[in-house]
Amino acid sequence: MLVALVCIIAMAICTGGFSEDGWSAETPDKVTGREGKATILFCKFPHPQLGYKGQNNTGPVTGMKGDSVTLPCTFTPPDRFASSLTVLWMKGDPYTECTVFNHTRPLAADSRVTDSVTVNEEDRYGLIGNLTQGDASLRISDLQLNDTNDYFCHVHIKRRRREYVIRDVTRLRVVAPATILELSAVRDGITGGTIVCRVEGEPPANITWIDPENSTVHEDSSDTTVTRVPGKYQTVGRFLDPTLRGTYSCVAVNEHGREVRQIRLATAGFNYSNFIIGMFCLIPLVKFLLLLITGIILFIKIKD
C-alpha cells in the first residue's frame, strides 16, 4: 500500500517525467482498474544517460566591484529529440537557493514559442553562451560586494517523457579597493573627542593615521581602535582623544587600492577630559583669590 501511494504521488506531480540531480521518473499516461480489484501502478526511476553531465571543473571566479564577470556552465548539447531547454541560475546554500535567472528555450522544430526569461533579478544577469552548443555561461553586471556567494547552474533538458538535469556550482568572490566612506570628529562626555574613519573594502582595509606633527599612528596603537562591521565589508577606525590642533589624515589601504582623506581640528581643547582636569586645577587658585580679596576688604573696613 505504501509503495502504491508513493507512486501515485510521483505520478501526480511528475506527469511526463520528473528529475532531480540527473535522476528521472517515468510514469504511464493512464492506468485502468476495476472497482474492488487490485491494480498495479508502475513507477520507474532510471538513471540518466551518462552523456548528460555538467562539465564545469573551473575554480572560483573573482570580480571587482562595479565590473562585470562571467560564471561558466557547460554541458553536453541536447540532441534532436529534446523538446525544450531551461537554464536556472541560483545562489546560496543548497537548502535555501535563490533563483536569480530563469531562461527557457523551445527546441522542437514545429514550436512557435520563443525564448522566455521569467526571472532576472535587478536586470543584471544574462546568458552569453550558445545554448545549442552546450554553453549556459552567465554574465553578471555591476557587481556588488554582497554578490559573493556560491552559484548553481541547473540545465533542464526535456526529452520525450524524461527530463535531464545538469548542475554545476561556481564560487564567486567580489573584491573592492579600500574606499573611505566617512571621516568625522565626534564628541561625548565619556571619552572626550574621537575621529572616526569608516572604510569599505574587500579584503578588509588596514587603517593608519597621520597626526598634525606628521607622525604615523598605526591601528595597533593605544590611541586607536579598529573594528570590522559584520556583513557590510566595512572597517571602522577611531583615533581617541586627539590633543593636537591641526590636520589629521586617515590612510586606508588594501591590495586593490589606497585612499587618504584629511580632517582639520581648528580649535585646541577638543578633548573634554583635558578641559575638566584643567578646571579642577584652577579651583584652588580661585579659592585663594577669593580668600585674598575677602581679607583685603575686611582689613580696609577694620582700619576705617
C-alpha atoms as a PDB file:
ATOM      1  CA  MET A   1       0.000   0.000   0.000  1.00  0.00           C
ATOM      2  CA  LEU A   2       2.843   2.392   0.871  1.00  0.00           C
ATOM      3  CA  VAL A   3       4.621   1.726  -2.438  1.00  0.00           C
ATOM      4  CA  ALA A   4       1.425   2.400  -4.364  1.00  0.00           C
ATOM      5  CA  LEU A   5       0.905   5.660  -2.503  1.00  0.00           C
ATOM      6  CA  VAL A   6       4.440   6.828  -3.283  1.00  0.00           C
ATOM      7  CA  CYS A   7       3.995   6.135  -6.973  1.00  0.00           C
ATOM      8  CA  ILE A   8       0.594   7.868  -7.031  1.00  0.00           C
ATOM      9  CA  ILE A   9       2.215  10.983  -5.571  1.00  0.00           C
ATOM     10  CA  ALA A  10       5.063  10.718  -8.072  1.00  0.00           C
ATOM     11  CA  MET A  11       2.577  10.467 -10.928  1.00  0.00           C
ATOM     12  CA  ALA A  12       0.533  13.388  -9.639  1.00  0.00           C
ATOM     13  CA  ILE A  13       3.444  15.783  -9.500  1.00  0.00           C
ATOM     14  CA  CYS A  14       5.584  14.435 -12.303  1.00  0.00           C
ATOM     15  CA  THR A  15       3.393  13.671 -15.304  1.00  0.00           C
ATOM     16  CA  GLY A  16       5.652  13.423 -18.294  1.00  0.00           C
ATOM     17  CA  GLY A  17       8.785  12.994 -16.187  1.00  0.00           C
ATOM     18  CA  PHE A  18      10.484  14.325 -13.106  1.00  0.00           C
ATOM     19  CA  SER A  19      14.137  14.817 -12.346  1.00  0.00           C
ATOM     20  CA  GLU A  20      16.490  15.923  -9.636  1.00  0.00           C
ATOM     21  CA  ASP A  21      20.292  15.955  -9.936  1.00  0.00           C
ATOM     22  CA  GLY A  22      20.116  13.851 -13.089  1.00  0.00           C
ATOM     23  CA  TRP A  23      17.527  11.273 -11.985  1.00  0.00           C
ATOM     24  CA  SER A  24      14.210  10.963 -13.818  1.00  0.00           C
ATOM     25  CA  ALA A  25      10.860   9.300 -13.255  1.00  0.00           C
ATOM     26  CA  GLU A  26       8.849   7.552 -15.976  1.00  0.00           C
ATOM     27  CA  THR A  27       5.106   7.198 -15.427  1.00  0.00           C
ATOM     28  CA  PRO A  28       2.343   5.892 -17.726  1.00  0.00           C
ATOM     29  CA  ASP A  29      -0.249   8.279 -19.120  1.00  0.00           C
ATOM     30  CA  LYS A  30      -3.192   6.150 -17.940  1.00  0.00           C
ATOM     31  CA  VAL A  31      -3.791   3.212 -15.609  1.00  0.00           C
ATOM     32  CA  THR A  32      -7.086   1.288 -15.815  1.00  0.00           C
ATOM     33  CA  GLY A  33      -8.513  -0.649 -12.882  1.00  0.00           C
ATOM     34  CA  ARG A  34     -11.764  -2.328 -11.878  1.00  0.00           C
ATOM     35  CA  GLU A  35     -13.656  -1.317  -8.781  1.00  0.00           C
ATOM     36  CA  GLY A  36     -12.976  -3.710  -5.936  1.00  0.00           C
ATOM     37  CA  LYS A  37      -9.977  -5.280  -7.703  1.00  0.00           C
ATOM     38  CA  ALA A  38      -6.240  -4.813  -7.215  1.00  0.00           C
ATOM     39  CA  THR A  39      -4.362  -2.651  -9.707  1.00  0.00           C
ATOM     40  CA  ILE A  40      -0.624  -2.357 -10.328  1.00  0.00           C
ATOM     41  CA  LEU A  41       0.839   1.133 -10.667  1.00  0.00           C
ATOM     42  CA  PHE A  42       4.188   1.266 -12.445  1.00  0.00           C
ATOM     43  CA  CYS A  43       6.773   3.759 -11.242  1.00  0.00           C
ATOM     44  CA  LYS A  44      10.288   3.586 -12.781  1.00  0.00           C
ATOM     45  CA  PHE A  45      13.302   5.684 -11.801  1.00  0.00           C
ATOM     46  CA  PRO A  46      16.017   5.050 -14.406  1.00  0.00           C
ATOM     47  CA  HIS A  47      19.390   6.772 -14.102  1.00  0.00           C
ATOM     48  CA  PRO A  48      20.003   9.440 -16.757  1.00  0.00           C
ATOM     49  CA  GLN A  49      22.205   8.839 -19.753  1.00  0.00           C
ATOM     50  CA  LEU A  50      25.889   9.232 -18.976  1.00  0.00           C
ATOM     51  CA  GLY A  51      26.291  11.917 -21.624  1.00  0.00           C
ATOM     52  CA  TYR A  52      24.162  14.417 -19.701  1.00  0.00           C
ATOM     53  CA  LYS A  53      26.560  15.721 -17.093  1.00  0.00           C
ATOM     54  CA  GLY A  54      27.956  19.063 -16.088  1.00  0.00           C
ATOM     55  CA  GLN A  55      31.403  19.832 -17.450  1.00  0.00           C
ATOM     56  CA  ASN A  56      32.449  22.813 -15.347  1.00  0.00           C
ATOM     57  CA  ASN A  57      35.581  21.971 -13.390  1.00  0.00           C
ATOM     58  CA  THR A  58      36.909  25.507 -13.083  1.00  0.00           C
ATOM     59  CA  GLY A  59      37.912  27.118  -9.810  1.00  0.00           C
ATOM     60  CA  PRO A  60      36.444  30.183  -8.066  1.00  0.00           C
ATOM     61  CA  VAL A  61      35.713  33.299 -10.106  1.00  0.00           C
ATOM     62  CA  THR A  62      36.828  36.715  -8.837  1.00  0.00           C
ATOM     63  CA  GLY A  63      35.432  40.071  -9.955  1.00  0.00           C
ATOM     64  CA  MET A  64      35.882  43.723  -8.991  1.00  0.00           C
ATOM     65  CA  LYS A  65      33.002  45.740  -7.551  1.00  0.00           C
ATOM     66  CA  GLY A  66      31.232  47.681 -10.316  1.00  0.00           C
ATOM     67  CA  ASP A  67      32.643  45.474 -13.099  1.00  0.00           C
ATOM     68  CA  SER A  68      31.114  42.517 -14.937  1.00  0.00           C
ATOM     69  CA  VAL A  69      32.022  38.857 -14.553  1.00  0.00           C
ATOM     70  CA  THR A  70      31.198  35.591 -16.326  1.00  0.00           C
ATOM     71  CA  LEU A  71      30.279  32.395 -14.471  1.00  0.00           C
ATOM     72  CA  PRO A  72      30.955  29.313 -16.636  1.00  0.00           C
ATOM     73  CA  CYS A  73      28.484  26.492 -17.185  1.00  0.00           C
ATOM     74  CA  THR A  74      28.900  23.943 -19.975  1.00  0.00           C
ATOM     75  CA  PHE A  75      27.001  20.763 -20.762  1.00  0.00           C
ATOM     76  CA  THR A  76      26.525  18.171 -23.491  1.00  0.00           C
ATOM     77  CA  PRO A  77      24.376  19.828 -26.185  1.00  0.00           C
ATOM     78  CA  PRO A  78      20.842  18.437 -26.493  1.00  0.00           C
ATOM     79  CA  ASP A  79      20.089  16.014 -29.328  1.00  0.00           C
ATOM     80  CA  ARG A  80      17.331  16.311 -31.920  1.00  0.00           C
ATOM     81  CA  PHE A  81      14.820  14.562 -29.671  1.00  0.00           C
ATOM     82  CA  ALA A  82      14.937  17.287 -26.991  1.00  0.00           C
ATOM     83  CA  SER A  83      11.814  19.456 -26.876  1.00  0.00           C
ATOM     84  CA  SER A  84      12.948  22.259 -24.557  1.00  0.00           C
ATOM     85  CA  LEU A  85      15.869  23.501 -22.529  1.00  0.00           C
ATOM     86  CA  THR A  86      15.626  25.555 -19.337  1.00  0.00           C
ATOM     87  CA  VAL A  87      18.523  27.238 -17.565  1.00  0.00           C
ATOM     88  CA  LEU A  88      18.168  28.166 -13.898  1.00  0.00           C
ATOM     89  CA  TRP A  89      20.914  30.086 -12.117  1.00  0.00           C
ATOM     90  CA  MET A  90      20.624  30.098  -8.339  1.00  0.00           C
ATOM     91  CA  LYS A  91      22.764  31.362  -5.492  1.00  0.00           C
ATOM     92  CA  GLY A  92      23.091  30.484  -1.836  1.00  0.00           C
ATOM     93  CA  ASP A  93      23.478  27.236   0.039  1.00  0.00           C
ATOM     94  CA  PRO A  94      21.824  24.083  -1.393  1.00  0.00           C
ATOM     95  CA  TYR A  95      18.909  24.312   1.062  1.00  0.00           C
ATOM     96  CA  THR A  96      17.972  27.969   0.554  1.00  0.00           C
ATOM     97  CA  GLU A  97      18.913  28.594  -3.060  1.00  0.00           C
ATOM     98  CA  CYS A  98      17.517  31.804  -4.521  1.00  0.00           C
ATOM     99  CA  THR A  99      16.777  31.893  -8.262  1.00  0.00           C
ATOM    100  CA  VAL A 100      18.370  34.931  -9.917  1.00  0.00           C
ATOM    101  CA  PHE A 101      17.884  33.945 -13.567  1.00  0.00           C
ATOM    102  CA  ASN A 102      15.438  31.666 -15.425  1.00  0.00           C
ATOM    103  CA  HIS A 103      15.652  31.196 -19.196  1.00  0.00           C
ATOM    104  CA  THR A 104      13.674  28.682 -21.296  1.00  0.00           C
ATOM    105  CA  ARG A 105      14.282  27.871 -24.969  1.00  0.00           C
ATOM    106  CA  PRO A 106      11.956  25.603 -27.022  1.00  0.00           C
ATOM    107  CA  LEU A 107      13.880  23.167 -29.240  1.00  0.00           C
ATOM    108  CA  ALA A 108      11.117  21.392 -31.167  1.00  0.00           C
ATOM    109  CA  ALA A 109      11.209  22.193 -34.878  1.00  0.00           C
ATOM    110  CA  ASP A 110       7.465  22.899 -35.023  1.00  0.00           C
ATOM    111  CA  SER A 111       7.399  25.049 -31.880  1.00  0.00           C
ATOM    112  CA  ARG A 112       6.001  28.555 -32.243  1.00  0.00           C
ATOM    113  CA  VAL A 113       7.093  29.596 -28.766  1.00  0.00           C
ATOM    114  CA  THR A 114      10.103  31.873 -28.487  1.00  0.00           C
ATOM    115  CA  ASP A 115      12.692  32.129 -25.742  1.00  0.00           C
ATOM    116  CA  SER A 116      11.345  33.383 -22.430  1.00  0.00           C
ATOM    117  CA  VAL A 117      13.077  34.878 -19.404  1.00  0.00           C
ATOM    118  CA  THR A 118      10.837  34.733 -16.339  1.00  0.00           C
ATOM    119  CA  VAL A 119      13.382  35.755 -13.695  1.00  0.00           C
ATOM    120  CA  ASN A 120      16.187  38.296 -13.996  1.00  0.00           C
ATOM    121  CA  GLU A 121      16.944  39.751 -10.576  1.00  0.00           C
ATOM    122  CA  GLU A 122      17.663  43.503 -10.834  1.00  0.00           C
ATOM    123  CA  ASP A 123      18.167  43.058 -14.623  1.00  0.00           C
ATOM    124  CA  ARG A 124      21.864  42.402 -14.047  1.00  0.00           C
ATOM    125  CA  TYR A 125      22.008  38.861 -15.442  1.00  0.00           C
ATOM    126  CA  GLY A 126      22.196  37.470 -18.960  1.00  0.00           C
ATOM    127  CA  LEU A 127      23.299  34.365 -20.842  1.00  0.00           C
ATOM    128  CA  ILE A 128      26.298  34.956 -23.073  1.00  0.00           C
ATOM    129  CA  GLY A 129      26.857  31.386 -24.263  1.00  0.00           C
ATOM    130  CA  ASN A 130      25.227  29.463 -27.096  1.00  0.00           C
ATOM    131  CA  LEU A 131      22.749  27.025 -25.555  1.00  0.00           C
ATOM    132  CA  THR A 132      22.573  24.798 -28.631  1.00  0.00           C
ATOM    133  CA  GLN A 133      26.336  24.329 -28.334  1.00  0.00           C
ATOM    134  CA  GLY A 134      26.157  23.452 -24.648  1.00  0.00           C
ATOM    135  CA  ASP A 135      27.153  26.796 -23.133  1.00  0.00           C
ATOM    136  CA  ALA A 136      24.948  28.332 -20.414  1.00  0.00           C
ATOM    137  CA  SER A 137      27.543  30.752 -19.029  1.00  0.00           C
ATOM    138  CA  LEU A 138      26.073  33.707 -17.138  1.00  0.00           C
ATOM    139  CA  ARG A 139      27.202  37.334 -17.230  1.00  0.00           C
ATOM    140  CA  ILE A 140      26.622  39.428 -14.076  1.00  0.00           C
ATOM    141  CA  SER A 141      26.973  43.187 -14.483  1.00  0.00           C
ATOM    142  CA  ASP A 142      27.554  45.953 -11.919  1.00  0.00           C
ATOM    143  CA  LEU A 143      28.982  43.606  -9.297  1.00  0.00           C
ATOM    144  CA  GLN A 144      28.250  44.365  -5.651  1.00  0.00           C
ATOM    145  CA  LEU A 145      30.099  43.040  -2.622  1.00  0.00           C
ATOM    146  CA  ASN A 146      27.040  41.100  -1.463  1.00  0.00           C
ATOM    147  CA  ASP A 147      27.112  39.156  -4.759  1.00  0.00           C
ATOM    148  CA  THR A 148      29.829  36.998  -3.182  1.00  0.00           C
ATOM    149  CA  ASN A 149      28.277  33.529  -2.941  1.00  0.00           C
ATOM    150  CA  ASP A 150      28.012  30.034  -4.414  1.00  0.00           C
ATOM    151  CA  TYR A 151      26.141  29.997  -7.743  1.00  0.00           C
ATOM    152  CA  PHE A 152      24.422  26.889  -9.100  1.00  0.00           C
ATOM    153  CA  CYS A 153      23.733  26.341 -12.788  1.00  0.00           C
ATOM    154  CA  HIS A 154      20.797  23.976 -13.399  1.00  0.00           C
ATOM    155  CA  VAL A 155      20.208  22.934 -17.024  1.00  0.00           C
ATOM    156  CA  HIS A 156      16.933  21.060 -17.554  1.00  0.00           C
ATOM    157  CA  ILE A 157      16.701  19.220 -20.886  1.00  0.00           C
ATOM    158  CA  LYS A 158      13.260  17.817 -21.612  1.00  0.00           C
ATOM    159  CA  ARG A 159      13.345  14.812 -23.930  1.00  0.00           C
ATOM    160  CA  ARG A 160      10.153  12.865 -24.518  1.00  0.00           C
ATOM    161  CA  ARG A 161       8.979  11.786 -21.068  1.00  0.00           C
ATOM    162  CA  ARG A 162      12.257  12.367 -19.323  1.00  0.00           C
ATOM    163  CA  GLU A 163      13.883  15.488 -18.058  1.00  0.00           C
ATOM    164  CA  TYR A 164      17.631  15.529 -17.562  1.00  0.00           C
ATOM    165  CA  VAL A 165      19.239  17.875 -15.086  1.00  0.00           C
ATOM    166  CA  ILE A 166      22.810  19.091 -15.069  1.00  0.00           C
ATOM    167  CA  ARG A 167      24.053  21.056 -12.084  1.00  0.00           C
ATOM    168  CA  ASP A 168      27.342  22.913 -11.793  1.00  0.00           C
ATOM    169  CA  VAL A 169      28.493  25.102  -8.932  1.00  0.00           C
ATOM    170  CA  THR A 170      30.811  28.105  -9.099  1.00  0.00           C
ATOM    171  CA  ARG A 171      32.109  30.203  -6.221  1.00  0.00           C
ATOM    172  CA  LEU A 172      32.038  33.954  -6.921  1.00  0.00           C
ATOM    173  CA  ARG A 173      34.128  36.354  -4.859  1.00  0.00           C
ATOM    174  CA  VAL A 174      33.737  40.099  -5.322  1.00  0.00           C
ATOM    175  CA  VAL A 175      36.637  42.327  -4.256  1.00  0.00           C
ATOM    176  CA  ALA A 176      36.832  46.107  -3.868  1.00  0.00           C
ATOM    177  CA  PRO A 177      39.574  48.702  -3.312  1.00  0.00           C
ATOM    178  CA  ALA A 178      39.807  50.480   0.025  1.00  0.00           C
ATOM    179  CA  THR A 179      37.384  53.423  -0.097  1.00  0.00           C
ATOM    180  CA  ILE A 180      36.809  55.918   2.721  1.00  0.00           C
ATOM    181  CA  LEU A 181      33.071  56.371   3.199  1.00  0.00           C
ATOM    182  CA  GLU A 182      33.177  58.783   6.142  1.00  0.00           C
ATOM    183  CA  LEU A 183      35.703  60.825   8.137  1.00  0.00           C
ATOM    184  CA  SER A 184      34.308  62.877  11.010  1.00  0.00           C
ATOM    185  CA  ALA A 185      35.016  64.188  14.515  1.00  0.00           C
ATOM    186  CA  VAL A 186      32.598  63.357  17.314  1.00  0.00           C
ATOM    187  CA  ARG A 187      32.391  64.294  20.997  1.00  0.00           C
ATOM    188  CA  ASP A 188      30.832  62.686  24.038  1.00  0.00           C
ATOM    189  CA  GLY A 189      31.004  63.128  27.770  1.00  0.00           C
ATOM    190  CA  ILE A 190      32.799  59.850  28.423  1.00  0.00           C
ATOM    191  CA  THR A 191      35.712  59.507  26.011  1.00  0.00           C
ATOM    192  CA  GLY A 192      36.056  63.152  25.109  1.00  0.00           C
ATOM    193  CA  GLY A 193      36.773  63.525  21.409  1.00  0.00           C
ATOM    194  CA  THR A 194      37.192  60.891  18.702  1.00  0.00           C
ATOM    195  CA  ILE A 195      37.951  60.989  14.982  1.00  0.00           C
ATOM    196  CA  VAL A 196      36.051  58.263  13.107  1.00  0.00           C
ATOM    197  CA  CYS A 197      37.142  56.851   9.728  1.00  0.00           C
ATOM    198  CA  ARG A 198      34.732  54.380   8.063  1.00  0.00           C
ATOM    199  CA  VAL A 199      36.208  52.367   5.184  1.00  0.00           C
ATOM    200  CA  GLU A 200      34.772  49.869   2.688  1.00  0.00           C
ATOM    201  CA  GLY A 201      36.936  47.239   1.017  1.00  0.00           C
ATOM    202  CA  GLU A 202      37.457  43.547   0.324  1.00  0.00           C
ATOM    203  CA  PRO A 203      39.741  42.233   1.615  1.00  0.00           C
ATOM    204  CA  PRO A 204      39.283  44.450   4.706  1.00  0.00           C
ATOM    205  CA  ALA A 205      41.377  47.612   4.648  1.00  0.00           C
ATOM    206  CA  ASN A 206      44.200  48.462   7.022  1.00  0.00           C
ATOM    207  CA  ILE A 207      43.840  51.909   8.620  1.00  0.00           C
ATOM    208  CA  THR A 208      46.684  54.153   9.785  1.00  0.00           C
ATOM    209  CA  TRP A 209      46.665  57.767  10.971  1.00  0.00           C
ATOM    210  CA  ILE A 210      48.987  60.719  10.430  1.00  0.00           C
ATOM    211  CA  ASP A 211      48.794  63.418  13.115  1.00  0.00           C
ATOM    212  CA  PRO A 212      49.476  67.173  12.713  1.00  0.00           C
ATOM    213  CA  GLU A 213      53.178  66.580  13.535  1.00  0.00           C
ATOM    214  CA  ASN A 214      53.381  64.199  10.549  1.00  0.00           C
ATOM    215  CA  SER A 215      53.843  61.189  12.822  1.00  0.00           C
ATOM    216  CA  THR A 216      52.307  57.877  11.754  1.00  0.00           C
ATOM    217  CA  VAL A 217      49.970  56.268  14.274  1.00  0.00           C
ATOM    218  CA  HIS A 218      49.274  52.610  13.440  1.00  0.00           C
ATOM    219  CA  GLU A 219      45.997  50.800  14.080  1.00  0.00           C
ATOM    220  CA  ASP A 220      47.545  48.767  16.910  1.00  0.00           C
ATOM    221  CA  SER A 221      48.434  51.903  18.877  1.00  0.00           C
ATOM    222  CA  SER A 222      46.804  52.570  22.253  1.00  0.00           C
ATOM    223  CA  ASP A 223      45.412  55.803  20.775  1.00  0.00           C
ATOM    224  CA  THR A 224      43.425  53.974  18.091  1.00  0.00           C
ATOM    225  CA  THR A 225      40.857  51.193  17.723  1.00  0.00           C
ATOM    226  CA  VAL A 226      39.748  49.179  14.685  1.00  0.00           C
ATOM    227  CA  THR A 227      36.525  47.179  14.323  1.00  0.00           C
ATOM    228  CA  ARG A 228      35.039  45.185  11.447  1.00  0.00           C
ATOM    229  CA  VAL A 229      31.361  45.656  10.611  1.00  0.00           C
ATOM    230  CA  PRO A 230      29.829  42.168  10.103  1.00  0.00           C
ATOM    231  CA  GLY A 231      28.169  41.600   6.738  1.00  0.00           C
ATOM    232  CA  LYS A 232      28.965  45.066   5.346  1.00  0.00           C
ATOM    233  CA  TYR A 233      32.604  44.682   4.224  1.00  0.00           C
ATOM    234  CA  GLN A 234      33.444  47.768   6.287  1.00  0.00           C
ATOM    235  CA  THR A 235      36.195  48.659   8.742  1.00  0.00           C
ATOM    236  CA  VAL A 236      35.852  51.465  11.297  1.00  0.00           C
ATOM    237  CA  GLY A 237      38.981  53.128  12.689  1.00  0.00           C
ATOM    238  CA  ARG A 238      38.885  55.521  15.654  1.00  0.00           C
ATOM    239  CA  PHE A 239      41.541  57.976  16.821  1.00  0.00           C
ATOM    240  CA  LEU A 240      40.883  58.501  20.524  1.00  0.00           C
ATOM    241  CA  ASP A 241      41.317  61.813  22.353  1.00  0.00           C
ATOM    242  CA  PRO A 242      43.306  63.802  19.759  1.00  0.00           C
ATOM    243  CA  THR A 243      45.012  66.673  21.608  1.00  0.00           C
ATOM    244  CA  LEU A 244      46.925  68.432  18.831  1.00  0.00           C
ATOM    245  CA  ARG A 245      45.482  71.253  16.787  1.00  0.00           C
ATOM    246  CA  GLY A 246      45.847  70.790  13.014  1.00  0.00           C
ATOM    247  CA  THR A 247      45.224  68.279  10.240  1.00  0.00           C
ATOM    248  CA  TYR A 248      44.759  64.545  10.816  1.00  0.00           C
ATOM    249  CA  SER A 249      44.907  62.074   7.915  1.00  0.00           C
ATOM    250  CA  CYS A 250      43.157  58.703   7.656  1.00  0.00           C
ATOM    251  CA  VAL A 251      45.030  56.313   5.333  1.00  0.00           C
ATOM    252  CA  ALA A 252      43.087  53.229   4.136  1.00  0.00           C
ATOM    253  CA  VAL A 253      44.914  50.503   2.188  1.00  0.00           C
ATOM    254  CA  ASN A 254      44.235  47.017   0.832  1.00  0.00           C
ATOM    255  CA  GLU A 255      45.730  45.043  -2.053  1.00  0.00           C
ATOM    256  CA  HIS A 256      43.357  46.653  -4.573  1.00  0.00           C
ATOM    257  CA  GLY A 257      43.674  50.329  -3.689  1.00  0.00           C
ATOM    258  CA  ARG A 258      44.636  53.145  -1.333  1.00  0.00           C
ATOM    259  CA  GLU A 259      42.798  56.303  -0.269  1.00  0.00           C
ATOM    260  CA  VAL A 260      43.733  59.197   2.011  1.00  0.00           C
ATOM    261  CA  ARG A 261      41.330  61.723   3.492  1.00  0.00           C
ATOM    262  CA  GLN A 262      42.023  64.599   5.872  1.00  0.00           C
ATOM    263  CA  ILE A 263      40.165  66.425   8.629  1.00  0.00           C
ATOM    264  CA  ARG A 264      41.244  69.598  10.412  1.00  0.00           C
ATOM    265  CA  LEU A 265      40.750  70.271  14.108  1.00  0.00           C
ATOM    266  CA  ALA A 266      40.823  74.046  14.215  1.00  0.00           C
ATOM    267  CA  THR A 267      40.490  74.527  17.980  1.00  0.00           C
ATOM    268  CA  ALA A 268      42.594  73.348  20.850  1.00  0.00           C
ATOM    269  CA  GLY A 269      40.935  71.693  23.807  1.00  0.00           C
ATOM    270  CA  PHE A 270      38.966  69.317  21.607  1.00  0.00           C
ATOM    271  CA  ASN A 271      39.458  66.822  24.423  1.00  0.00           C
ATOM    272  CA  TYR A 272      36.842  67.263  27.140  1.00  0.00           C
ATOM    273  CA  SER A 273      38.846  65.280  29.674  1.00  0.00           C
ATOM    274  CA  ASN A 274      41.765  67.708  29.470  1.00  0.00           C
ATOM    275  CA  PHE A 275      39.364  70.607  29.931  1.00  0.00           C
ATOM    276  CA  ILE A 276      37.886  69.044  33.065  1.00  0.00           C
ATOM    277  CA  ILE A 277      41.350  68.367  34.519  1.00  0.00           C
ATOM    278  CA  GLY A 278      42.289  71.984  33.896  1.00  0.00           C
ATOM    279  CA  MET A 279      39.176  73.209  35.677  1.00  0.00           C
ATOM    280  CA  PHE A 280      39.990  71.109  38.725  1.00  0.00           C
ATOM    281  CA  CYS A 281      43.479  72.600  38.773  1.00  0.00           C
ATOM    282  CA  LEU A 282      42.027  76.122  38.747  1.00  0.00           C
ATOM    283  CA  ILE A 283      39.725  75.575  41.749  1.00  0.00           C
ATOM    284  CA  PRO A 284      42.459  76.002  44.430  1.00  0.00           C
ATOM    285  CA  LEU A 285      43.676  79.171  42.716  1.00  0.00           C
ATOM    286  CA  VAL A 286      40.144  80.596  42.607  1.00  0.00           C
ATOM    287  CA  LYS A 287      39.672  79.816  46.313  1.00  0.00           C
ATOM    288  CA  PHE A 288      42.948  81.537  47.168  1.00  0.00           C
ATOM    289  CA  LEU A 289      41.978  84.645  45.196  1.00  0.00           C
ATOM    290  CA  LEU A 290      38.566  84.787  46.909  1.00  0.00           C
ATOM    291  CA  LEU A 291      40.164  84.494  50.361  1.00  0.00           C
ATOM    292  CA  LEU A 292      42.716  87.171  49.466  1.00  0.00           C
ATOM    293  CA  ILE A 293      40.040  89.600  48.262  1.00  0.00           C
ATOM    294  CA  THR A 294      37.891  88.900  51.346  1.00  0.00           C
ATOM    295  CA  GLY A 295      40.872  89.538  53.633  1.00  0.00           C
ATOM    296  CA  ILE A 296      41.702  92.827  51.930  1.00  0.00           C
ATOM    297  CA  ILE A 297      38.093  94.021  52.252  1.00  0.00           C
ATOM    298  CA  LEU A 298      37.961  93.109  55.958  1.00  0.00           C
ATOM    299  CA  PHE A 299      41.304  94.786  56.582  1.00  0.00           C
ATOM    300  CA  ILE A 300      40.090  98.025  54.966  1.00  0.00           C
ATOM    301  CA  LYS A 301      36.848  98.030  56.997  1.00  0.00           C
ATOM    302  CA  ILE A 302      38.665  97.408  60.298  1.00  0.00           C
ATOM    303  CA  LYS A 303      41.156 100.161  59.541  1.00  0.00           C
ATOM    304  CA  ASP A 304      38.346 102.637  58.883  1.00  0.00           C
END
